[in-house]
Amino acid sequence: MITIFGNNNSYVDENKSYAILTYPNPVEDQLYIKQNDVVSAELFDVSGKLIDTYHHPKTINCEKLQSGFYILQLKTKNGISQVKFIKK
């Protein structure tokens, strides 16, 4: 289960007890990932279509994405978390 704390985009996987911070949300050009141990990430649209994959990402370039909702699945050595964000 993933818990959202307020509006700061901090997500905690209660089964694994770790937090992943992403910002800003909504995003215009770059989505920043403040987590050092992210091994890979997969970006999906709301229909579940895989948009792109990333290895050891610190940022996600969102400039070419259409406006809408997206899901970023982040894999770390501790497990997998999903972050939902809006592209302006």
N, C-alpha and C. Protein backbone atom coordinates (compact mmCIF):
# COMPACT_ATOMS: atom_id res chain seq x y z
N MET A 1 0.83 -1.17 0.00
CA MET A 1 0.00 0.00 0.00
C MET A 1 0.88 1.24 0.00
N ILE A 2 0.46 2.26 -0.71
CA ILE A 2 1.20 3.52 -0.76
C ILE A 2 0.35 4.60 -0.11
N THR A 3 0.95 5.39 0.75
CA THR A 3 0.26 6.45 1.47
C THR A 3 0.76 7.80 0.99
N ILE A 4 -0.15 8.73 0.77
CA ILE A 4 0.21 10.08 0.34
C ILE A 4 0.13 11.00 1.55
N PHE A 5 1.17 11.79 1.79
CA PHE A 5 1.21 12.73 2.89
C PHE A 5 1.02 14.14 2.36
N GLY A 6 -0.17 14.71 2.57
CA GLY A 6 -0.44 16.09 2.18
C GLY A 6 -0.24 16.31 0.70
N ASN A 7 0.28 17.49 0.35
CA ASN A 7 0.48 17.86 -1.05
C ASN A 7 1.95 17.88 -1.44
N ASN A 8 2.82 17.23 -0.64
CA ASN A 8 4.24 17.34 -0.93
C ASN A 8 4.77 16.22 -1.82
N ASN A 9 3.87 15.37 -2.33
CA ASN A 9 4.25 14.27 -3.22
C ASN A 9 5.21 13.28 -2.59
N SER A 10 5.16 13.12 -1.30
CA SER A 10 5.99 12.15 -0.61
C SER A 10 5.16 10.88 -0.45
N TYR A 11 5.67 9.77 -0.94
CA TYR A 11 4.95 8.52 -0.92
C TYR A 11 5.73 7.50 -0.10
N VAL A 12 5.02 6.78 0.74
CA VAL A 12 5.67 5.75 1.55
C VAL A 12 4.98 4.43 1.26
N ASP A 13 5.77 3.44 0.89
CA ASP A 13 5.27 2.09 0.72
C ASP A 13 5.28 1.48 2.12
N GLU A 14 4.10 1.31 2.72
CA GLU A 14 4.03 0.87 4.10
C GLU A 14 4.57 -0.53 4.29
N ASN A 15 4.63 -1.33 3.24
CA ASN A 15 5.18 -2.67 3.35
C ASN A 15 6.70 -2.64 3.41
N LYS A 16 7.32 -1.61 2.88
CA LYS A 16 8.78 -1.52 2.81
C LYS A 16 9.35 -0.38 3.65
N SER A 17 8.53 0.55 4.10
CA SER A 17 8.93 1.65 4.97
C SER A 17 10.03 2.53 4.39
N TYR A 18 9.83 3.07 3.22
CA TYR A 18 10.75 4.05 2.67
C TYR A 18 9.95 5.09 1.89
N ALA A 19 10.52 6.27 1.75
CA ALA A 19 9.82 7.38 1.12
C ALA A 19 10.50 7.77 -0.18
N ILE A 20 9.69 8.20 -1.15
CA ILE A 20 10.21 8.73 -2.41
C ILE A 20 9.56 10.08 -2.63
N LEU A 21 10.37 11.09 -2.83
CA LEU A 21 9.88 12.44 -3.06
C LEU A 21 10.09 12.80 -4.52
N THR A 22 9.01 13.25 -5.17
CA THR A 22 9.10 13.77 -6.54
C THR A 22 8.47 15.15 -6.55
N TYR A 23 8.96 16.01 -7.41
CA TYR A 23 8.44 17.39 -7.49
C TYR A 23 8.88 18.01 -8.81
N PRO A 24 8.19 19.05 -9.29
CA PRO A 24 6.91 19.60 -8.84
C PRO A 24 5.75 18.77 -9.38
N ASN A 25 4.61 18.99 -8.83
CA ASN A 25 3.40 18.36 -9.33
C ASN A 25 2.26 19.37 -9.19
N PRO A 26 1.72 19.87 -10.28
CA PRO A 26 1.93 19.48 -11.67
C PRO A 26 3.30 19.92 -12.20
N VAL A 27 3.74 19.23 -13.25
CA VAL A 27 5.05 19.47 -13.84
C VAL A 27 4.89 20.08 -15.24
N GLU A 28 5.84 20.93 -15.61
CA GLU A 28 5.85 21.50 -16.96
C GLU A 28 6.95 20.89 -17.81
N ASP A 29 8.18 20.85 -17.29
CA ASP A 29 9.29 20.35 -18.11
C ASP A 29 10.08 19.22 -17.45
N GLN A 30 10.51 19.36 -16.19
CA GLN A 30 11.31 18.33 -15.53
C GLN A 30 10.65 17.88 -14.23
N LEU A 31 10.54 16.57 -14.06
CA LEU A 31 10.08 15.99 -12.80
C LEU A 31 11.33 15.50 -12.08
N TYR A 32 11.54 15.99 -10.86
CA TYR A 32 12.74 15.66 -10.10
C TYR A 32 12.45 14.53 -9.12
N ILE A 33 13.39 13.61 -9.00
CA ILE A 33 13.28 12.48 -8.08
C ILE A 33 14.33 12.65 -7.00
N LYS A 34 13.88 12.80 -5.76
CA LYS A 34 14.82 12.97 -4.66
C LYS A 34 14.92 11.65 -3.89
N GLN A 35 15.60 10.72 -4.51
CA GLN A 35 15.82 9.40 -3.93
C GLN A 35 17.07 8.84 -4.60
N ASN A 36 18.08 8.54 -3.82
CA ASN A 36 19.36 8.14 -4.40
C ASN A 36 19.42 6.71 -4.89
N ASP A 37 18.58 5.84 -4.38
CA ASP A 37 18.72 4.43 -4.73
C ASP A 37 17.71 3.94 -5.77
N VAL A 38 17.16 4.84 -6.59
CA VAL A 38 16.26 4.42 -7.65
C VAL A 38 17.09 3.75 -8.75
N VAL A 39 16.81 2.48 -8.99
CA VAL A 39 17.54 1.70 -9.97
C VAL A 39 16.98 1.92 -11.37
N SER A 40 15.64 1.93 -11.46
CA SER A 40 15.00 2.14 -12.75
C SER A 40 13.61 2.74 -12.55
N ALA A 41 13.08 3.27 -13.63
CA ALA A 41 11.75 3.86 -13.60
C ALA A 41 11.06 3.57 -14.92
N GLU A 42 9.76 3.39 -14.84
CA GLU A 42 8.94 3.20 -16.04
C GLU A 42 7.81 4.22 -15.98
N LEU A 43 7.60 4.91 -17.09
CA LEU A 43 6.56 5.94 -17.19
C LEU A 43 5.39 5.39 -17.99
N PHE A 44 4.19 5.47 -17.40
CA PHE A 44 2.96 4.97 -18.03
C PHE A 44 1.95 6.10 -18.15
N ASP A 45 1.12 6.04 -19.21
CA ASP A 45 -0.02 6.96 -19.27
C ASP A 45 -1.16 6.32 -18.47
N VAL A 46 -2.29 7.02 -18.36
CA VAL A 46 -3.39 6.52 -17.53
C VAL A 46 -4.04 5.25 -18.07
N SER A 47 -3.83 4.96 -19.34
CA SER A 47 -4.40 3.73 -19.90
C SER A 47 -3.49 2.53 -19.64
N GLY A 48 -2.30 2.78 -19.06
CA GLY A 48 -1.38 1.69 -18.77
C GLY A 48 -0.33 1.47 -19.84
N LYS A 49 -0.34 2.31 -20.87
CA LYS A 49 0.64 2.18 -21.95
C LYS A 49 2.01 2.66 -21.46
N LEU A 50 3.04 1.84 -21.69
CA LEU A 50 4.40 2.21 -21.32
C LEU A 50 4.89 3.30 -22.27
N ILE A 51 5.31 4.43 -21.70
CA ILE A 51 5.79 5.58 -22.49
C ILE A 51 7.31 5.52 -22.64
N ASP A 52 8.02 5.26 -21.53
CA ASP A 52 9.48 5.26 -21.56
C ASP A 52 10.03 4.55 -20.34
N THR A 53 11.30 4.16 -20.42
CA THR A 53 12.00 3.56 -19.28
C THR A 53 13.28 4.36 -19.02
N TYR A 54 13.72 4.35 -17.78
CA TYR A 54 14.89 5.13 -17.37
C TYR A 54 15.75 4.28 -16.43
N HIS A 55 17.06 4.49 -16.47
CA HIS A 55 17.98 3.79 -15.58
C HIS A 55 18.67 4.80 -14.68
N HIS A 56 18.57 4.60 -13.38
CA HIS A 56 19.13 5.48 -12.35
C HIS A 56 18.74 6.94 -12.57
N PRO A 57 17.43 7.21 -12.71
CA PRO A 57 16.99 8.58 -13.01
C PRO A 57 17.06 9.51 -11.80
N LYS A 58 17.44 10.74 -12.06
CA LYS A 58 17.35 11.83 -11.08
C LYS A 58 16.27 12.82 -11.52
N THR A 59 16.03 12.86 -12.85
CA THR A 59 14.97 13.70 -13.42
C THR A 59 14.29 12.94 -14.54
N ILE A 60 13.06 13.33 -14.82
CA ILE A 60 12.31 12.80 -15.95
C ILE A 60 11.94 13.99 -16.82
N ASN A 61 12.36 13.95 -18.09
CA ASN A 61 12.04 15.03 -19.02
C ASN A 61 10.59 14.86 -19.47
N CYS A 62 9.75 15.84 -19.14
CA CYS A 62 8.33 15.79 -19.44
C CYS A 62 7.91 16.78 -20.51
N GLU A 63 8.87 17.47 -21.11
CA GLU A 63 8.55 18.53 -22.08
C GLU A 63 7.69 18.04 -23.23
N LYS A 64 7.95 16.84 -23.73
CA LYS A 64 7.23 16.35 -24.92
C LYS A 64 5.96 15.58 -24.59
N LEU A 65 5.68 15.41 -23.30
CA LEU A 65 4.45 14.71 -22.92
C LEU A 65 3.24 15.59 -23.15
N GLN A 66 2.14 14.98 -23.54
CA GLN A 66 0.89 15.72 -23.65
C GLN A 66 0.35 16.00 -22.26
N SER A 67 -0.44 17.03 -22.12
CA SER A 67 -1.06 17.34 -20.83
C SER A 67 -1.92 16.17 -20.37
N GLY A 68 -1.85 15.89 -19.08
CA GLY A 68 -2.67 14.80 -18.54
C GLY A 68 -2.03 14.15 -17.33
N PHE A 69 -2.59 13.01 -16.95
CA PHE A 69 -2.13 12.26 -15.79
C PHE A 69 -1.18 11.15 -16.21
N TYR A 70 -0.15 10.91 -15.39
CA TYR A 70 0.84 9.87 -15.65
C TYR A 70 1.19 9.13 -14.37
N ILE A 71 1.72 7.94 -14.52
CA ILE A 71 2.16 7.12 -13.40
C ILE A 71 3.63 6.78 -13.63
N LEU A 72 4.44 7.04 -12.64
CA LEU A 72 5.86 6.72 -12.69
C LEU A 72 6.11 5.60 -11.69
N GLN A 73 6.53 4.45 -12.20
CA GLN A 73 6.84 3.30 -11.34
C GLN A 73 8.34 3.30 -11.07
N LEU A 74 8.71 3.43 -9.81
CA LEU A 74 10.11 3.53 -9.40
C LEU A 74 10.55 2.26 -8.70
N LYS A 75 11.66 1.69 -9.17
CA LYS A 75 12.20 0.48 -8.56
C LYS A 75 13.48 0.82 -7.81
N THR A 76 13.52 0.39 -6.54
CA THR A 76 14.71 0.56 -5.72
C THR A 76 15.10 -0.82 -5.19
N LYS A 77 16.20 -0.88 -4.47
CA LYS A 77 16.60 -2.15 -3.88
C LYS A 77 15.62 -2.59 -2.80
N ASN A 78 14.79 -1.66 -2.32
CA ASN A 78 13.81 -1.96 -1.27
C ASN A 78 12.44 -2.37 -1.80
N GLY A 79 12.19 -2.16 -3.08
CA GLY A 79 10.89 -2.50 -3.63
C GLY A 79 10.47 -1.55 -4.74
N ILE A 80 9.18 -1.53 -5.01
CA ILE A 80 8.61 -0.74 -6.09
C ILE A 80 7.55 0.21 -5.53
N SER A 81 7.59 1.47 -5.97
CA SER A 81 6.59 2.46 -5.61
C SER A 81 6.07 3.12 -6.88
N GLN A 82 4.86 3.61 -6.81
CA GLN A 82 4.28 4.33 -7.94
C GLN A 82 3.97 5.76 -7.51
N VAL A 83 4.31 6.68 -8.39
CA VAL A 83 4.04 8.09 -8.17
C VAL A 83 3.14 8.58 -9.29
N LYS A 84 2.04 9.21 -8.93
CA LYS A 84 1.13 9.79 -9.92
C LYS A 84 1.42 11.27 -10.02
N PHE A 85 1.46 11.78 -11.26
CA PHE A 85 1.70 13.20 -11.43
C PHE A 85 0.91 13.73 -12.62
N ILE A 86 0.80 15.05 -12.68
CA ILE A 86 0.05 15.73 -13.75
C ILE A 86 1.04 16.53 -14.59
N LYS A 87 0.92 16.38 -15.90
CA LYS A 87 1.69 17.20 -16.85
C LYS A 87 0.78 18.35 -17.27
N LYS A 88 1.25 19.59 -17.05
CA LYS A 88 0.48 20.80 -17.46
C LYS A 88 0.40 20.89 -18.96
